[in-house]
C-alpha atoms as a PDB file:
ATOM      1  CA  MET A   1     -13.495  65.837-159.323  1.00  0.00           C
ATOM      2  CA  ALA A   2     -14.856  64.312-162.503  1.00  0.00           C
ATOM      3  CA  ILE A   3     -13.184  61.691-164.649  1.00  0.00           C
ATOM      4  CA  PRO A   4     -12.748  63.178-168.147  1.00  0.00           C
ATOM      5  CA  VAL A   5     -15.230  62.111-170.757  1.00  0.00           C
ATOM      6  CA  THR A   6     -13.964  59.584-173.258  1.00  0.00           C
ATOM      7  CA  ARG A   7     -15.477  58.653-176.593  1.00  0.00           C
ATOM      8  CA  MET A   8     -14.962  55.534-178.636  1.00  0.00           C
ATOM      9  CA  MET A   9     -16.113  54.233-181.983  1.00  0.00           C
ATOM     10  CA  VAL A  10     -16.344  50.444-181.934  1.00  0.00           C
ATOM     11  CA  PRO A  11     -15.301  48.513-185.068  1.00  0.00           C
ATOM     12  CA  HIS A  12     -17.223  45.595-186.472  1.00  0.00           C
ATOM     13  CA  ALA A  13     -16.330  41.945-186.904  1.00  0.00           C
ATOM     14  CA  ILE A  14     -17.925  38.632-187.890  1.00  0.00           C
ATOM     15  CA  PRO A  15     -21.431  38.277-186.382  1.00  0.00           C
ATOM     16  CA  SER A  16     -22.435  35.525-183.989  1.00  0.00           C
ATOM     17  CA  LEU A  17     -25.757  34.791-182.322  1.00  0.00           C
ATOM     18  CA  ARG A  18     -24.724  32.166-179.794  1.00  0.00           C
ATOM     19  CA  LEU A  19     -25.597  32.584-176.120  1.00  0.00           C
ATOM     20  CA  SER A  20     -24.391  29.477-174.366  1.00  0.00           C
ATOM     21  CA  HIS A  21     -25.086  30.321-170.745  1.00  0.00           C
ATOM     22  CA  PRO A  22     -25.474  27.215-168.540  1.00  0.00           C
ATOM     23  CA  ASN A  23     -28.467  28.646-166.669  1.00  0.00           C
ATOM     24  CA  PRO A  24     -31.013  29.326-169.437  1.00  0.00           C
ATOM     25  CA  SER A  25     -33.953  29.551-167.021  1.00  0.00           C
ATOM     26  CA  ARG A  26     -32.669  32.964-165.906  1.00  0.00           C
ATOM     27  CA  VAL A  27     -32.396  34.387-169.409  1.00  0.00           C
ATOM     28  CA  ASP A  28     -35.076  36.797-170.667  1.00  0.00           C
ATOM     29  CA  PHE A  29     -35.690  36.753-174.408  1.00  0.00           C
ATOM     30  CA  LEU A  30     -37.331  40.003-175.463  1.00  0.00           C
ATOM     31  CA  CYS A  31     -39.251  40.241-178.717  1.00  0.00           C
ATOM     32  CA  ARG A  32     -41.215  43.325-179.769  1.00  0.00           C
ATOM     33  CA  CYS A  33     -43.384  41.642-182.392  1.00  0.00           C
ATOM     34  CA  ALA A  34     -44.879  38.297-183.400  1.00  0.00           C
ATOM     35  CA  PRO A  35     -42.443  35.796-184.983  1.00  0.00           C
ATOM     36  CA  SER A  36     -44.064  36.198-188.394  1.00  0.00           C
ATOM     37  CA  GLU A  37     -43.488  39.958-188.228  1.00  0.00           C
ATOM     38  CA  ILE A  38     -39.800  39.887-187.328  1.00  0.00           C
ATOM     39  CA  GLN A  39     -37.754  41.800-189.880  1.00  0.00           C
ATOM     40  CA  PRO A  40     -34.267  40.703-190.906  1.00  0.00           C
ATOM     41  CA  LEU A  41     -31.679  42.006-188.459  1.00  0.00           C
ATOM     42  CA  ARG A  42     -29.589  44.881-189.744  1.00  0.00           C
ATOM     43  CA  PRO A  43     -25.965  43.793-189.947  1.00  0.00           C
ATOM     44  CA  GLU A  44     -22.828  45.604-188.890  1.00  0.00           C
ATOM     45  CA  LEU A  45     -23.945  47.641-185.889  1.00  0.00           C
ATOM     46  CA  SER A  46     -21.551  49.060-183.305  1.00  0.00           C
ATOM     47  CA  LEU A  47     -21.466  51.542-180.442  1.00  0.00           C
ATOM     48  CA  SER A  48     -20.454  55.157-180.028  1.00  0.00           C
ATOM     49  CA  VAL A  49     -19.707  55.528-176.321  1.00  0.00           C
ATOM     50  CA  GLY A  50     -19.431  58.368-173.805  1.00  0.00           C
ATOM     51  CA  ILE A  51     -18.389  57.865-170.167  1.00  0.00           C
ATOM     52  CA  HIS A  52     -18.452  60.143-167.151  1.00  0.00           C
ATOM     53  CA  ALA A  53     -17.843  59.362-163.487  1.00  0.00           C
ATOM     54  CA  ILE A  54     -18.080  61.542-160.377  1.00  0.00           C
ATOM     55  CA  PRO A  55     -16.909  60.086-157.049  1.00  0.00           C
ATOM     56  CA  HIS A  56     -18.721  60.397-153.731  1.00  0.00           C
ATOM     57  CA  PRO A  57     -17.705  63.750-152.188  1.00  0.00           C
ATOM     58  CA  ASP A  58     -15.836  61.954-149.396  1.00  0.00           C
ATOM     59  CA  LYS A  59     -14.018  59.619-151.788  1.00  0.00           C
ATOM     60  CA  VAL A  60     -12.671  62.057-154.356  1.00  0.00           C
ATOM     61  CA  GLU A  61      -9.043  61.547-153.362  1.00  0.00           C
ATOM     62  CA  LYS A  62      -9.068  57.855-154.297  1.00  0.00           C
ATOM     63  CA  GLY A  63     -11.438  58.287-157.235  1.00  0.00           C
ATOM     64  CA  GLY A  64     -14.439  56.563-155.676  1.00  0.00           C
ATOM     65  CA  GLU A  65     -15.328  52.885-155.491  1.00  0.00           C
ATOM     66  CA  ASP A  66     -17.018  52.400-158.869  1.00  0.00           C
ATOM     67  CA  ALA A  67     -15.089  50.936-161.787  1.00  0.00           C
ATOM     68  CA  PHE A  68     -15.915  50.418-165.458  1.00  0.00           C
ATOM     69  CA  PHE A  69     -14.538  49.315-168.787  1.00  0.00           C
ATOM     70  CA  VAL A  70     -15.477  49.734-172.443  1.00  0.00           C
ATOM     71  CA  SER A  71     -14.021  47.430-175.077  1.00  0.00           C
ATOM     72  CA  SER A  72     -13.974  47.748-178.848  1.00  0.00           C
ATOM     73  CA  TYR A  73     -14.054  43.960-179.184  1.00  0.00           C
ATOM     74  CA  ARG A  74     -16.577  42.793-181.771  1.00  0.00           C
ATOM     75  CA  GLY A  75     -19.784  44.820-181.522  1.00  0.00           C
ATOM     76  CA  GLY A  76     -18.676  46.450-178.284  1.00  0.00           C
ATOM     77  CA  VAL A  77     -18.615  45.529-174.597  1.00  0.00           C
ATOM     78  CA  MET A  78     -19.443  47.764-171.628  1.00  0.00           C
ATOM     79  CA  ALA A  79     -19.445  47.080-167.904  1.00  0.00           C
ATOM     80  CA  VAL A  80     -19.819  48.882-164.580  1.00  0.00           C
ATOM     81  CA  ALA A  81     -18.961  47.522-161.123  1.00  0.00           C
ATOM     82  CA  ASP A  82     -19.815  49.206-157.824  1.00  0.00           C
ATOM     83  CA  GLY A  83     -17.618  48.339-154.841  1.00  0.00           C
ATOM     84  CA  VAL A  84     -19.631  47.654-151.662  1.00  0.00           C
ATOM     85  CA  SER A  85     -18.701  50.380-149.194  1.00  0.00           C
ATOM     86  CA  GLY A  86     -19.407  48.281-146.085  1.00  0.00           C
ATOM     87  CA  TRP A  87     -15.984  46.683-146.440  1.00  0.00           C
ATOM     88  CA  ALA A  88     -14.420  49.914-145.203  1.00  0.00           C
ATOM     89  CA  GLU A  89     -15.649  48.948-141.720  1.00  0.00           C
ATOM     90  CA  GLN A  90     -13.183  46.035-141.867  1.00  0.00           C
ATOM     91  CA  ASP A  91     -10.331  48.282-143.036  1.00  0.00           C
ATOM     92  CA  VAL A  92     -10.662  46.959-146.590  1.00  0.00           C
ATOM     93  CA  ASP A  93     -10.622  49.444-149.476  1.00  0.00           C
ATOM     94  CA  PRO A  94     -13.920  48.707-151.315  1.00  0.00           C
ATOM     95  CA  SER A  95     -12.516  50.064-154.587  1.00  0.00           C
ATOM     96  CA  LEU A  96      -9.889  47.334-154.920  1.00  0.00           C
ATOM     97  CA  PHE A  97     -12.354  44.529-155.639  1.00  0.00           C
ATOM     98  CA  SER A  98     -14.411  46.471-158.195  1.00  0.00           C
ATOM     99  CA  LYS A  99     -11.325  47.769-159.996  1.00  0.00           C
ATOM    100  CA  GLU A 100      -9.691  44.342-160.192  1.00  0.00           C
ATOM    101  CA  LEU A 101     -12.980  42.777-161.317  1.00  0.00           C
ATOM    102  CA  MET A 102     -13.218  45.241-164.206  1.00  0.00           C
ATOM    103  CA  ALA A 103      -9.539  44.861-165.081  1.00  0.00           C
ATOM    104  CA  ASN A 104     -10.015  41.097-165.286  1.00  0.00           C
ATOM    105  CA  ALA A 105     -13.168  41.423-167.387  1.00  0.00           C
ATOM    106  CA  SER A 106     -11.345  43.750-169.790  1.00  0.00           C
ATOM    107  CA  ARG A 107      -8.430  41.331-170.047  1.00  0.00           C
ATOM    108  CA  LEU A 108     -10.634  38.276-170.587  1.00  0.00           C
ATOM    109  CA  VAL A 109     -13.237  39.733-172.958  1.00  0.00           C
ATOM    110  CA  ASP A 110     -11.712  38.036-176.007  1.00  0.00           C
ATOM    111  CA  ASP A 111     -10.839  34.797-174.181  1.00  0.00           C
ATOM    112  CA  GLN A 112     -11.947  31.806-176.234  1.00  0.00           C
ATOM    113  CA  GLU A 113     -13.570  30.134-173.210  1.00  0.00           C
ATOM    114  CA  VAL A 114     -15.776  33.202-172.629  1.00  0.00           C
ATOM    115  CA  ARG A 115     -17.500  32.599-176.017  1.00  0.00           C
ATOM    116  CA  TYR A 116     -18.652  36.247-176.070  1.00  0.00           C
ATOM    117  CA  ASP A 117     -21.140  35.390-173.338  1.00  0.00           C
ATOM    118  CA  PRO A 118     -21.822  37.765-170.409  1.00  0.00           C
ATOM    119  CA  GLY A 119     -22.304  34.936-167.937  1.00  0.00           C
ATOM    120  CA  PHE A 120     -18.993  33.280-168.718  1.00  0.00           C
ATOM    121  CA  LEU A 121     -17.183  36.624-168.680  1.00  0.00           C
ATOM    122  CA  ILE A 122     -18.632  37.542-165.281  1.00  0.00           C
ATOM    123  CA  ASP A 123     -17.670  34.103-163.963  1.00  0.00           C
ATOM    124  CA  LYS A 124     -14.086  34.150-165.242  1.00  0.00           C
ATOM    125  CA  ALA A 125     -13.497  37.760-164.130  1.00  0.00           C
ATOM    126  CA  HIS A 126     -14.877  36.982-160.665  1.00  0.00           C
ATOM    127  CA  THR A 127     -12.810  33.815-160.343  1.00  0.00           C
ATOM    128  CA  ALA A 128      -9.652  35.710-161.288  1.00  0.00           C
ATOM    129  CA  THR A 129     -10.262  38.484-158.736  1.00  0.00           C
ATOM    130  CA  THR A 130      -8.156  37.993-155.605  1.00  0.00           C
ATOM    131  CA  SER A 131      -8.828  41.248-153.716  1.00  0.00           C
ATOM    132  CA  ARG A 132     -11.011  41.099-150.611  1.00  0.00           C
ATOM    133  CA  GLY A 133     -14.347  42.793-150.996  1.00  0.00           C
ATOM    134  CA  SER A 134     -17.478  42.620-153.105  1.00  0.00           C
ATOM    135  CA  ALA A 135     -19.199  44.499-155.902  1.00  0.00           C
ATOM    136  CA  THR A 136     -22.340  44.672-157.956  1.00  0.00           C
ATOM    137  CA  ILE A 137     -21.859  44.419-161.705  1.00  0.00           C
ATOM    138  CA  ILE A 138     -23.644  44.935-164.996  1.00  0.00           C
ATOM    139  CA  LEU A 139     -22.164  43.884-168.330  1.00  0.00           C
ATOM    140  CA  ALA A 140     -23.487  44.253-171.880  1.00  0.00           C
ATOM    141  CA  MET A 141     -22.140  42.752-175.116  1.00  0.00           C
ATOM    142  CA  LEU A 142     -23.370  43.819-178.547  1.00  0.00           C
ATOM    143  CA  GLU A 143     -23.535  41.406-181.454  1.00  0.00           C
ATOM    144  CA  GLU A 144     -22.909  43.220-184.717  1.00  0.00           C
ATOM    145  CA  VAL A 145     -26.253  41.970-186.074  1.00  0.00           C
ATOM    146  CA  GLY A 146     -28.170  43.918-183.408  1.00  0.00           C
ATOM    147  CA  ILE A 147     -28.415  41.621-180.403  1.00  0.00           C
ATOM    148  CA  LEU A 148     -27.524  43.080-176.996  1.00  0.00           C
ATOM    149  CA  LYS A 149     -26.697  40.471-174.332  1.00  0.00           C
ATOM    150  CA  ILE A 150     -26.827  41.663-170.728  1.00  0.00           C
ATOM    151  CA  GLY A 151     -25.746  40.125-167.435  1.00  0.00           C
ATOM    152  CA  ASN A 152     -26.508  41.796-164.110  1.00  0.00           C
ATOM    153  CA  VAL A 153     -25.745  41.001-160.465  1.00  0.00           C
ATOM    154  CA  GLY A 154     -27.135  43.579-158.038  1.00  0.00           C
ATOM    155  CA  ASP A 155     -28.364  47.121-158.547  1.00  0.00           C
ATOM    156  CA  CYS A 156     -26.255  48.605-161.311  1.00  0.00           C
ATOM    157  CA  GLY A 157     -28.612  49.138-164.210  1.00  0.00           C
ATOM    158  CA  LEU A 158     -29.213  49.564-167.926  1.00  0.00           C
ATOM    159  CA  LYS A 159     -31.992  51.276-169.862  1.00  0.00           C
ATOM    160  CA  LEU A 160     -32.577  51.108-173.607  1.00  0.00           C
ATOM    161  CA  LEU A 161     -34.143  54.170-175.259  1.00  0.00           C
ATOM    162  CA  ARG A 162     -35.741  54.315-178.684  1.00  0.00           C
ATOM    163  CA  GLU A 163     -37.333  57.431-180.169  1.00  0.00           C
ATOM    164  CA  GLY A 164     -37.545  59.157-176.808  1.00  0.00           C
ATOM    165  CA  GLN A 165     -38.995  56.237-174.851  1.00  0.00           C
ATOM    166  CA  ILE A 166     -37.514  53.628-172.533  1.00  0.00           C
ATOM    167  CA  ILE A 167     -38.364  50.300-174.128  1.00  0.00           C
ATOM    168  CA  PHE A 168     -36.317  48.051-171.825  1.00  0.00           C
ATOM    169  CA  ALA A 169     -34.770  48.313-168.367  1.00  0.00           C
ATOM    170  CA  THR A 170     -33.010  45.846-166.110  1.00  0.00           C
ATOM    171  CA  ALA A 171     -34.433  45.275-162.642  1.00  0.00           C
ATOM    172  CA  PRO A 172     -32.275  45.516-159.501  1.00  0.00           C
ATOM    173  CA  GLN A 173     -31.597  42.340-157.542  1.00  0.00           C
ATOM    174  CA  GLU A 174     -31.798  42.796-153.765  1.00  0.00           C
ATOM    175  CA  HIS A 175     -31.904  40.600-150.680  1.00  0.00           C
ATOM    176  CA  TYR A 176     -33.805  43.467-149.038  1.00  0.00           C
ATOM    177  CA  PHE A 177     -33.888  47.247-149.375  1.00  0.00           C
ATOM    178  CA  ASP A 178     -30.408  48.724-149.910  1.00  0.00           C
ATOM    179  CA  CYS A 179     -28.737  45.295-149.774  1.00  0.00           C
ATOM    180  CA  PRO A 180     -28.127  44.201-153.391  1.00  0.00           C
ATOM    181  CA  TYR A 181     -26.869  40.920-154.748  1.00  0.00           C
ATOM    182  CA  GLN A 182     -23.099  41.081-155.131  1.00  0.00           C
ATOM    183  CA  LEU A 183     -20.066  39.156-156.282  1.00  0.00           C
ATOM    184  CA  SER A 184     -17.649  38.732-153.408  1.00  0.00           C
ATOM    185  CA  SER A 185     -14.378  37.282-152.214  1.00  0.00           C
ATOM    186  CA  GLU A 186     -16.445  35.399-149.639  1.00  0.00           C
ATOM    187  CA  GLY A 187     -17.892  32.047-150.650  1.00  0.00           C
ATOM    188  CA  SER A 188     -21.348  32.720-149.206  1.00  0.00           C
ATOM    189  CA  ALA A 189     -22.199  35.521-151.652  1.00  0.00           C
ATOM    190  CA  GLN A 190     -23.634  35.377-155.166  1.00  0.00           C
ATOM    191  CA  THR A 191     -21.995  34.060-158.326  1.00  0.00           C
ATOM    192  CA  TYR A 192     -22.723  34.422-162.034  1.00  0.00           C
ATOM    193  CA  LEU A 193     -25.375  31.707-161.606  1.00  0.00           C
ATOM    194  CA  ASP A 194     -27.434  34.200-159.600  1.00  0.00           C
ATOM    195  CA  ALA A 195     -27.226  36.858-162.302  1.00  0.00           C
ATOM    196  CA  SER A 196     -30.174  38.081-164.326  1.00  0.00           C
ATOM    197  CA  PHE A 197     -29.618  37.696-168.070  1.00  0.00           C
ATOM    198  CA  SER A 198     -31.458  39.410-170.902  1.00  0.00           C
ATOM    199  CA  ILE A 199     -31.263  39.416-174.696  1.00  0.00           C
ATOM    200  CA  VAL A 200     -32.613  42.512-176.444  1.00  0.00           C
ATOM    201  CA  GLU A 201     -32.871  43.381-180.127  1.00  0.00           C
ATOM    202  CA  VAL A 202     -31.457  46.839-180.846  1.00  0.00           C
ATOM    203  CA  GLN A 203     -31.401  48.987-183.965  1.00  0.00           C
ATOM    204  CA  LYS A 204     -29.532  51.960-185.347  1.00  0.00           C
ATOM    205  CA  GLY A 205     -30.286  55.096-183.339  1.00  0.00           C
ATOM    206  CA  ASP A 206     -31.099  53.316-180.070  1.00  0.00           C
ATOM    207  CA  VAL A 207     -29.391  54.724-176.984  1.00  0.00           C
ATOM    208  CA  ILE A 208     -28.169  52.599-174.077  1.00  0.00           C
ATOM    209  CA  VAL A 209     -27.783  54.212-170.656  1.00  0.00           C
ATOM    210  CA  MET A 210     -25.792  52.125-168.193  1.00  0.00           C
ATOM    211  CA  GLY A 211     -24.656  53.088-164.726  1.00  0.00           C
ATOM    212  CA  SER A 212     -24.078  52.379-161.088  1.00  0.00           C
ATOM    213  CA  ASP A 213     -26.905  52.821-158.590  1.00  0.00           C
ATOM    214  CA  GLY A 214     -25.579  56.323-157.929  1.00  0.00           C
ATOM    215  CA  LEU A 215     -27.265  57.255-161.224  1.00  0.00           C
ATOM    216  CA  PHE A 216     -30.581  55.442-160.878  1.00  0.00           C
ATOM    217  CA  ASP A 217     -31.090  56.189-157.152  1.00  0.00           C
ATOM    218  CA  ASN A 218     -30.921  59.906-157.908  1.00  0.00           C
ATOM    219  CA  VAL A 219     -32.285  60.455-161.431  1.00  0.00           C
ATOM    220  CA  PHE A 220     -35.802  59.693-162.585  1.00  0.00           C
ATOM    221  CA  ASP A 221     -36.549  58.033-165.914  1.00  0.00           C
ATOM    222  CA  HIS A 222     -38.133  61.187-167.327  1.00  0.00           C
ATOM    223  CA  GLU A 223     -34.923  63.111-166.559  1.00  0.00           C
ATOM    224  CA  ILE A 224     -32.841  60.465-168.326  1.00  0.00           C
ATOM    225  CA  VAL A 225     -35.100  60.577-171.375  1.00  0.00           C
ATOM    226  CA  SER A 226     -35.053  64.385-171.456  1.00  0.00           C
ATOM    227  CA  ILE A 227     -31.274  64.664-171.281  1.00  0.00           C
ATOM    228  CA  VAL A 228     -30.555  61.913-173.797  1.00  0.00           C
ATOM    229  CA  THR A 229     -33.162  63.254-176.218  1.00  0.00           C
ATOM    230  CA  LYS A 230     -31.972  66.866-176.064  1.00  0.00           C
ATOM    231  CA  HIS A 231     -28.240  66.081-176.122  1.00  0.00           C
ATOM    232  CA  THR A 232     -27.484  63.569-178.850  1.00  0.00           C
ATOM    233  CA  ASP A 233     -23.711  63.676-178.315  1.00  0.00           C
ATOM    234  CA  VAL A 234     -22.978  60.692-176.054  1.00  0.00           C
ATOM    235  CA  ALA A 235     -20.069  62.388-174.299  1.00  0.00           C
ATOM    236  CA  GLU A 236     -22.240  65.395-173.451  1.00  0.00           C
ATOM    237  CA  SER A 237     -25.239  63.357-172.326  1.00  0.00           C
ATOM    238  CA  SER A 238     -23.130  61.094-170.092  1.00  0.00           C
ATOM    239  CA  ARG A 239     -21.587  64.161-168.446  1.00  0.00           C
ATOM    240  CA  LEU A 240     -24.941  65.841-167.900  1.00  0.00           C
ATOM    241  CA  LEU A 241     -26.521  62.702-166.454  1.00  0.00           C
ATOM    242  CA  ALA A 242     -23.619  62.263-164.031  1.00  0.00           C
ATOM    243  CA  GLU A 243     -23.767  65.907-162.976  1.00  0.00           C
ATOM    244  CA  VAL A 244     -27.540  65.802-162.403  1.00  0.00           C
ATOM    245  CA  ALA A 245     -27.192  62.597-160.353  1.00  0.00           C
ATOM    246  CA  SER A 246     -24.380  64.074-158.275  1.00  0.00           C
ATOM    247  CA  SER A 247     -26.342  67.286-157.685  1.00  0.00           C
ATOM    248  CA  HIS A 248     -29.506  65.422-156.654  1.00  0.00           C
ATOM    249  CA  SER A 249     -27.488  63.178-154.332  1.00  0.00           C
ATOM    250  CA  ARG A 250     -26.390  66.209-152.310  1.00  0.00           C
ATOM    251  CA  ASP A 251     -29.850  67.801-152.135  1.00  0.00           C
ATOM    252  CA  THR A 252     -31.445  66.927-148.781  1.00  0.00           C
ATOM    253  CA  GLU A 253     -34.866  68.180-149.910  1.00  0.00           C
ATOM    254  CA  PHE A 254     -35.000  66.390-153.258  1.00  0.00           C
ATOM    255  CA  GLU A 255     -37.715  63.732-153.629  1.00  0.00           C
ATOM    256  CA  SER A 256     -35.311  61.216-155.147  1.00  0.00           C
ATOM    257  CA  PRO A 257     -36.152  57.748-156.481  1.00  0.00           C
ATOM    258  CA  TYR A 258     -34.163  56.413-153.517  1.00  0.00           C
ATOM    259  CA  ALA A 259     -36.228  58.367-150.960  1.00  0.00           C
ATOM    260  CA  LEU A 260     -39.513  57.345-152.593  1.00  0.00           C
ATOM    261  CA  GLU A 261     -38.529  53.672-152.552  1.00  0.00           C
ATOM    262  CA  ALA A 262     -37.341  53.897-148.940  1.00  0.00           C
ATOM    263  CA  ARG A 263     -40.667  55.367-147.795  1.00  0.00           C
ATOM    264  CA  ALA A 264     -42.600  52.792-149.818  1.00  0.00           C
ATOM    265  CA  LYS A 265     -40.724  50.046-147.955  1.00  0.00           C
ATOM    266  CA  GLY A 266     -41.373  51.489-144.536  1.00  0.00           C
ATOM    267  CA  PHE A 267     -38.283  53.610-143.944  1.00  0.00           C
ATOM    268  CA  ASP A 268     -39.075  57.144-142.828  1.00  0.00           C
ATOM    269  CA  VAL A 269     -38.316  59.851-140.284  1.00  0.00           C
ATOM    270  CA  PRO A 270     -39.166  59.266-136.578  1.00  0.00           C
ATOM    271  CA  LEU A 271     -42.816  59.603-135.532  1.00  0.00           C
ATOM    272  CA  TRP A 272     -42.277  62.964-133.838  1.00  0.00           C
ATOM    273  CA  LYS A 273     -41.015  64.409-137.118  1.00  0.00           C
ATOM    274  CA  LYS A 274     -44.011  62.973-138.956  1.00  0.00           C
ATOM    275  CA  VAL A 275     -46.279  64.804-136.500  1.00  0.00           C
ATOM    276  CA  LEU A 276     -44.547  67.983-137.599  1.00  0.00           C
ATOM    277  CA  GLY A 277     -45.308  67.158-141.212  1.00  0.00           C
ATOM    278  CA  LYS A 278     -41.812  65.990-142.123  1.00  0.00           C
ATOM    279  CA  LYS A 279     -40.881  62.961-144.222  1.00  0.00           C
ATOM    280  CA  LEU A 280     -37.799  61.217-145.509  1.00  0.00           C
ATOM    281  CA  THR A 281     -36.378  63.146-148.454  1.00  0.00           C
ATOM    282  CA  GLY A 282     -33.049  63.670-150.171  1.00  0.00           C
ATOM    283  CA  GLY A 283     -30.825  61.995-152.683  1.00  0.00           C
ATOM    284  CA  LYS A 284     -28.398  59.199-151.897  1.00  0.00           C
ATOM    285  CA  LEU A 285     -24.773  60.299-151.666  1.00  0.00           C
ATOM    286  CA  ASP A 286     -22.788  57.854-153.763  1.00  0.00           C
ATOM    287  CA  ASP A 287     -20.279  57.417-156.552  1.00  0.00           C
ATOM    288  CA  VAL A 288     -21.886  58.063-159.926  1.00  0.00           C
ATOM    289  CA  THR A 289     -20.759  56.282-163.086  1.00  0.00           C
ATOM    290  CA  VAL A 290     -22.613  56.782-166.373  1.00  0.00           C
ATOM    291  CA  ILE A 291     -22.056  55.150-169.758  1.00  0.00           C
ATOM    292  CA  VAL A 292     -24.149  56.361-172.691  1.00  0.00           C
ATOM    293  CA  ALA A 293     -23.856  54.402-175.930  1.00  0.00           C
ATOM    294  CA  LYS A 294     -25.565  55.037-179.253  1.00  0.00           C
ATOM    295  CA  VAL A 295     -26.103  52.175-181.695  1.00  0.00           C
ATOM    296  CA  VAL A 296     -24.606  53.194-185.018  1.00  0.00           C
ATOM    297  CA  SER A 297     -23.740  51.645-188.364  1.00  0.00           C
ATOM    298  CA  SER A 298     -20.150  50.467-188.425  1.00  0.00           C
END
């Protein structure tokens, strides 16, 4: 089962450049040229958004454990949360935490105390979430003057494409392989202070690809670039990316990004299988959530 594609045009509002996160040492400021070469930012940018989600084959009935929201507030806000499936071993539905986290973020996005800051929004949404469980999260907020502010906890991801090339990508945060940072109902887990924050200058025509790890564990960068470049409609490209990720995840012979990383970190088939010339292959079965957004003039 696939969640129907939705498309949204985001209106514009009064620009602001303030990022008032209390942990500035964890903020990456990305500049593509020397200060003397910086051109005036183009005003009034917004997002045209396409979304597609495909649940894990065993979790179709409940719609999977990923959650997301897209808001038309100001330049546009997008977020994905991935519920940690290990909670099912304690008879806790992992989807409840991620869904409530996203519902709270959507409700609080225009809260005055958030100050249109990804760190504050992650913090307030997490604090308001009462369900047991945990989730990874990525959140991006576009300023209408062309500044994209990103907050990330865990292994959801975002890639920025310009003229057929990936010019920026978030990096996953992990304690160790396959154990990402996560927001949780338990006090010992991470908070917004552990998030990775980035500020990126975007321009008209740029494409943002955001998703849960079900996308990036199963689809290589060159596949993402190819699909987004060939299919300029964001609804179509988000659907195709989700379908490719879902297909790869079920292919036991596919040399997926997940399998390559696992082998690189010492995880492989037993020795007797290696003697027979076998190795760890296959995609990673998971929920897949994909958001594709094109930067457009408002």
